[in-house]
N, C-alpha and C. Protein backbone atom coordinates (compact mmCIF):
# COMPACT_ATOMS: atom_id res chain seq x y z
N MET A 1 -4.95 6.45 17.34
CA MET A 1 -5.48 7.16 16.21
C MET A 1 -4.85 8.55 16.16
N VAL A 2 -4.58 8.96 14.95
CA VAL A 2 -4.11 10.32 14.70
C VAL A 2 -5.24 11.05 13.99
N ILE A 3 -5.48 12.29 14.37
CA ILE A 3 -6.45 13.13 13.68
C ILE A 3 -5.66 14.31 13.11
N THR A 4 -5.67 14.46 11.79
CA THR A 4 -4.92 15.55 11.17
C THR A 4 -5.54 16.89 11.58
N ASP A 5 -4.75 17.96 11.42
CA ASP A 5 -5.26 19.30 11.75
C ASP A 5 -6.48 19.65 10.91
N GLU A 6 -6.47 19.27 9.63
CA GLU A 6 -7.59 19.57 8.73
C GLU A 6 -8.85 18.84 9.18
N ALA A 7 -8.71 17.56 9.51
CA ALA A 7 -9.86 16.79 10.00
C ALA A 7 -10.34 17.34 11.34
N GLY A 8 -9.39 17.71 12.20
CA GLY A 8 -9.75 18.28 13.49
C GLY A 8 -10.56 19.56 13.36
N ALA A 9 -10.16 20.44 12.45
CA ALA A 9 -10.90 21.69 12.22
C ALA A 9 -12.31 21.39 11.71
N PHE A 10 -12.43 20.44 10.80
CA PHE A 10 -13.72 20.04 10.26
C PHE A 10 -14.62 19.50 11.38
N ILE A 11 -14.07 18.63 12.22
CA ILE A 11 -14.84 18.03 13.31
C ILE A 11 -15.25 19.10 14.33
N ARG A 12 -14.32 20.01 14.68
CA ARG A 12 -14.67 21.09 15.62
C ARG A 12 -15.82 21.95 15.10
N ALA A 13 -15.80 22.25 13.80
CA ALA A 13 -16.88 23.05 13.21
C ALA A 13 -18.21 22.31 13.33
N GLU A 14 -18.20 21.00 13.10
CA GLU A 14 -19.43 20.21 13.25
C GLU A 14 -19.86 20.14 14.70
N MET A 15 -18.90 20.03 15.61
CA MET A 15 -19.23 20.03 17.04
C MET A 15 -19.87 21.35 17.45
N ASP A 16 -19.34 22.45 16.95
CA ASP A 16 -19.92 23.76 17.25
C ASP A 16 -21.34 23.88 16.72
N LYS A 17 -21.59 23.35 15.52
CA LYS A 17 -22.93 23.41 14.92
C LYS A 17 -23.93 22.58 15.71
N THR A 18 -23.50 21.40 16.16
CA THR A 18 -24.43 20.47 16.80
C THR A 18 -24.50 20.57 18.31
N GLY A 19 -23.45 21.14 18.91
CA GLY A 19 -23.39 21.19 20.37
C GLY A 19 -22.94 19.86 20.98
N ILE A 20 -22.50 18.92 20.15
CA ILE A 20 -22.02 17.61 20.62
C ILE A 20 -20.50 17.67 20.68
N SER A 21 -19.93 17.35 21.84
CA SER A 21 -18.50 17.57 22.03
C SER A 21 -17.64 16.31 22.01
N THR A 22 -18.21 15.17 21.60
CA THR A 22 -17.45 13.92 21.58
C THR A 22 -17.55 13.26 20.22
N LEU A 23 -16.42 12.78 19.73
CA LEU A 23 -16.37 12.00 18.50
C LEU A 23 -16.32 10.53 18.90
N ARG A 24 -17.27 9.73 18.42
CA ARG A 24 -17.28 8.29 18.73
C ARG A 24 -16.73 7.50 17.57
N VAL A 25 -15.91 6.51 17.87
CA VAL A 25 -15.36 5.59 16.88
C VAL A 25 -15.95 4.22 17.17
N LEU A 26 -16.67 3.69 16.19
CA LEU A 26 -17.39 2.43 16.36
C LEU A 26 -17.00 1.44 15.28
N SER A 27 -17.11 0.17 15.58
CA SER A 27 -16.96 -0.86 14.57
C SER A 27 -18.24 -0.85 13.74
N SER A 28 -18.09 -0.95 12.42
CA SER A 28 -19.27 -0.94 11.55
C SER A 28 -19.97 -2.29 11.54
N GLY A 29 -19.29 -3.31 12.06
CA GLY A 29 -19.85 -4.65 12.03
C GLY A 29 -19.66 -5.33 10.69
N ARG A 30 -18.99 -4.64 9.77
CA ARG A 30 -18.71 -5.20 8.45
C ARG A 30 -17.22 -5.18 8.19
N SER A 31 -16.78 -6.10 7.41
CA SER A 31 -15.37 -6.13 7.02
C SER A 31 -15.18 -5.28 5.78
N CYS A 32 -14.01 -4.69 5.67
CA CYS A 32 -13.64 -3.97 4.45
C CYS A 32 -12.82 -4.91 3.58
N SER A 33 -13.31 -6.10 3.36
CA SER A 33 -12.66 -7.19 2.61
C SER A 33 -11.25 -7.42 3.11
N CYS A 34 -10.25 -7.15 2.31
CA CYS A 34 -8.86 -7.44 2.70
C CYS A 34 -8.33 -6.48 3.76
N CYS A 35 -9.04 -5.43 4.01
CA CYS A 35 -8.54 -4.36 4.88
C CYS A 35 -8.77 -4.60 6.36
N GLY A 36 -9.57 -5.58 6.70
CA GLY A 36 -9.88 -5.79 8.11
C GLY A 36 -11.22 -5.17 8.45
N PRO A 37 -11.46 -4.91 9.72
CA PRO A 37 -12.76 -4.39 10.15
C PRO A 37 -13.01 -2.98 9.64
N GLY A 38 -14.28 -2.65 9.45
CA GLY A 38 -14.67 -1.30 9.05
C GLY A 38 -15.04 -0.48 10.27
N PHE A 39 -14.95 0.83 10.13
CA PHE A 39 -15.24 1.72 11.25
C PHE A 39 -16.18 2.83 10.82
N ILE A 40 -16.87 3.38 11.81
CA ILE A 40 -17.74 4.53 11.64
C ILE A 40 -17.29 5.57 12.65
N VAL A 41 -17.23 6.82 12.24
CA VAL A 41 -17.02 7.91 13.19
C VAL A 41 -18.25 8.79 13.15
N LYS A 42 -18.69 9.20 14.31
CA LYS A 42 -19.86 10.07 14.39
C LYS A 42 -19.79 10.88 15.67
N LEU A 43 -20.51 11.96 15.70
CA LEU A 43 -20.60 12.76 16.92
C LEU A 43 -21.66 12.15 17.81
N GLY A 44 -21.34 12.00 19.07
CA GLY A 44 -22.31 11.44 20.01
C GLY A 44 -21.67 11.23 21.36
N PRO A 45 -22.47 11.16 22.40
CA PRO A 45 -21.92 10.98 23.75
C PRO A 45 -21.27 9.62 23.91
N ALA A 46 -20.27 9.56 24.77
CA ALA A 46 -19.62 8.30 25.09
C ALA A 46 -20.62 7.38 25.79
N GLU A 47 -20.45 6.08 25.54
CA GLU A 47 -21.28 5.10 26.22
C GLU A 47 -20.47 4.46 27.35
N THR A 48 -21.13 3.70 28.18
CA THR A 48 -20.56 3.18 29.42
C THR A 48 -19.19 2.54 29.27
N ASN A 49 -18.99 1.66 28.32
CA ASN A 49 -17.73 0.94 28.19
C ASN A 49 -16.74 1.57 27.22
N ASP A 50 -17.06 2.73 26.69
CA ASP A 50 -16.15 3.40 25.75
C ASP A 50 -14.87 3.83 26.45
N ARG A 51 -13.79 3.85 25.71
CA ARG A 51 -12.50 4.37 26.21
C ARG A 51 -12.37 5.82 25.75
N LEU A 52 -12.23 6.73 26.67
CA LEU A 52 -12.12 8.15 26.35
C LEU A 52 -10.67 8.57 26.24
N CYS A 53 -10.37 9.34 25.21
CA CYS A 53 -9.03 9.88 24.99
C CYS A 53 -9.17 11.28 24.42
N THR A 54 -8.08 12.02 24.48
CA THR A 54 -8.02 13.31 23.79
C THR A 54 -7.04 13.15 22.65
N VAL A 55 -7.50 13.46 21.44
CA VAL A 55 -6.68 13.35 20.24
C VAL A 55 -6.75 14.68 19.50
N ASN A 56 -5.60 15.33 19.32
CA ASN A 56 -5.52 16.63 18.65
C ASN A 56 -6.52 17.62 19.26
N GLY A 57 -6.65 17.58 20.57
CA GLY A 57 -7.53 18.50 21.28
C GLY A 57 -8.99 18.12 21.28
N LEU A 58 -9.34 16.98 20.69
CA LEU A 58 -10.73 16.54 20.62
C LEU A 58 -10.98 15.39 21.58
N GLU A 59 -12.15 15.37 22.20
CA GLU A 59 -12.54 14.22 23.02
C GLU A 59 -13.02 13.13 22.08
N VAL A 60 -12.40 11.94 22.19
CA VAL A 60 -12.74 10.81 21.33
C VAL A 60 -13.11 9.64 22.21
N ALA A 61 -14.24 9.00 21.90
CA ALA A 61 -14.70 7.82 22.62
C ALA A 61 -14.61 6.62 21.68
N TYR A 62 -13.84 5.62 22.09
CA TYR A 62 -13.68 4.42 21.29
C TYR A 62 -14.56 3.31 21.84
N GLU A 63 -15.40 2.75 20.99
CA GLU A 63 -16.16 1.57 21.35
C GLU A 63 -15.16 0.46 21.68
N PRO A 64 -15.42 -0.38 22.69
CA PRO A 64 -14.44 -1.38 23.11
C PRO A 64 -13.87 -2.22 21.96
N HIS A 65 -14.70 -2.64 21.02
CA HIS A 65 -14.23 -3.47 19.92
C HIS A 65 -13.30 -2.70 18.97
N ALA A 66 -13.43 -1.39 18.91
CA ALA A 66 -12.65 -0.58 17.97
C ALA A 66 -11.26 -0.22 18.50
N VAL A 67 -11.06 -0.24 19.80
CA VAL A 67 -9.83 0.25 20.41
C VAL A 67 -8.58 -0.39 19.81
N SER A 68 -8.55 -1.71 19.74
CA SER A 68 -7.32 -2.39 19.30
C SER A 68 -7.04 -2.23 17.82
N PHE A 69 -8.03 -1.84 17.03
CA PHE A 69 -7.83 -1.76 15.59
C PHE A 69 -7.45 -0.37 15.09
N VAL A 70 -7.68 0.68 15.87
CA VAL A 70 -7.49 2.03 15.35
C VAL A 70 -6.18 2.68 15.75
N GLU A 71 -5.32 1.98 16.45
CA GLU A 71 -4.09 2.63 16.91
C GLU A 71 -3.19 3.08 15.76
N SER A 72 -3.23 2.40 14.61
CA SER A 72 -2.38 2.80 13.49
C SER A 72 -3.15 3.54 12.41
N VAL A 73 -4.32 4.08 12.75
CA VAL A 73 -5.18 4.74 11.78
C VAL A 73 -5.06 6.26 11.90
N THR A 74 -5.10 6.93 10.75
CA THR A 74 -5.14 8.39 10.70
C THR A 74 -6.48 8.83 10.15
N LEU A 75 -7.16 9.71 10.86
CA LEU A 75 -8.41 10.30 10.39
C LEU A 75 -8.04 11.60 9.69
N ASP A 76 -8.40 11.69 8.41
CA ASP A 76 -8.01 12.83 7.58
C ASP A 76 -9.25 13.40 6.91
N LEU A 77 -9.09 14.57 6.30
CA LEU A 77 -10.17 15.22 5.58
C LEU A 77 -9.90 15.10 4.09
N LEU A 78 -10.87 14.60 3.35
CA LEU A 78 -10.80 14.53 1.91
C LEU A 78 -11.69 15.62 1.36
N ASP A 79 -11.14 16.48 0.52
CA ASP A 79 -11.89 17.60 -0.05
C ASP A 79 -11.73 17.51 -1.56
N ASN A 80 -12.80 17.11 -2.25
CA ASN A 80 -12.72 17.00 -3.70
C ASN A 80 -14.05 17.41 -4.32
N GLU A 81 -14.23 17.10 -5.59
CA GLU A 81 -15.44 17.51 -6.31
C GLU A 81 -16.71 16.89 -5.72
N ARG A 82 -16.58 15.85 -4.94
CA ARG A 82 -17.73 15.21 -4.29
C ARG A 82 -18.03 15.82 -2.92
N GLY A 83 -17.23 16.78 -2.49
CA GLY A 83 -17.46 17.43 -1.21
C GLY A 83 -16.37 17.12 -0.20
N ARG A 84 -16.64 17.51 1.04
CA ARG A 84 -15.68 17.28 2.14
C ARG A 84 -16.19 16.14 2.98
N ARG A 85 -15.26 15.23 3.32
CA ARG A 85 -15.64 14.11 4.17
C ARG A 85 -14.42 13.57 4.89
N LEU A 86 -14.67 12.90 5.99
CA LEU A 86 -13.60 12.28 6.75
C LEU A 86 -13.27 10.92 6.16
N VAL A 87 -11.99 10.60 6.13
CA VAL A 87 -11.53 9.28 5.67
C VAL A 87 -10.52 8.75 6.67
N MET A 88 -10.48 7.43 6.79
CA MET A 88 -9.47 6.78 7.64
C MET A 88 -8.43 6.15 6.74
N ARG A 89 -7.17 6.36 7.12
CA ARG A 89 -6.07 5.78 6.36
C ARG A 89 -5.16 5.04 7.33
N SER A 90 -4.52 4.01 6.80
CA SER A 90 -3.59 3.24 7.61
C SER A 90 -2.48 2.72 6.71
N GLU A 91 -1.24 2.79 7.20
CA GLU A 91 -0.13 2.31 6.40
C GLU A 91 -0.11 0.79 6.29
N ASP A 92 -0.63 0.10 7.30
CA ASP A 92 -0.62 -1.36 7.24
C ASP A 92 -1.90 -1.94 6.69
N ARG A 93 -2.83 -1.09 6.29
CA ARG A 93 -4.09 -1.53 5.67
C ARG A 93 -4.44 -0.54 4.58
N CYS A 94 -5.34 -0.93 3.70
CA CYS A 94 -5.80 0.03 2.70
C CYS A 94 -6.72 1.06 3.36
N ALA A 95 -7.09 2.10 2.63
CA ALA A 95 -7.93 3.17 3.19
C ALA A 95 -9.26 2.60 3.66
N LEU A 96 -9.70 3.05 4.82
CA LEU A 96 -10.95 2.57 5.40
C LEU A 96 -12.05 3.56 5.16
């Protein structure tokens, strides 16, 4: 997974607000139709079987089921009239 600088800054600000220092990547348990599995990112402590990595200076915990699917994904920040939010993009899949 790649985390853009903009997304990283957004996540760090949320980590500072909450005091939670780990970003967890989980399978949503739902398919994104043609795109493959869906994912959720949230702040929270790593769980026992999570794979821990550092991405763009952030501690990231991948749920075991999510590890193999997120290697080609970029976590980016979308800032538009609807507000700021994180989005996942992949060149070999549509936006998640």
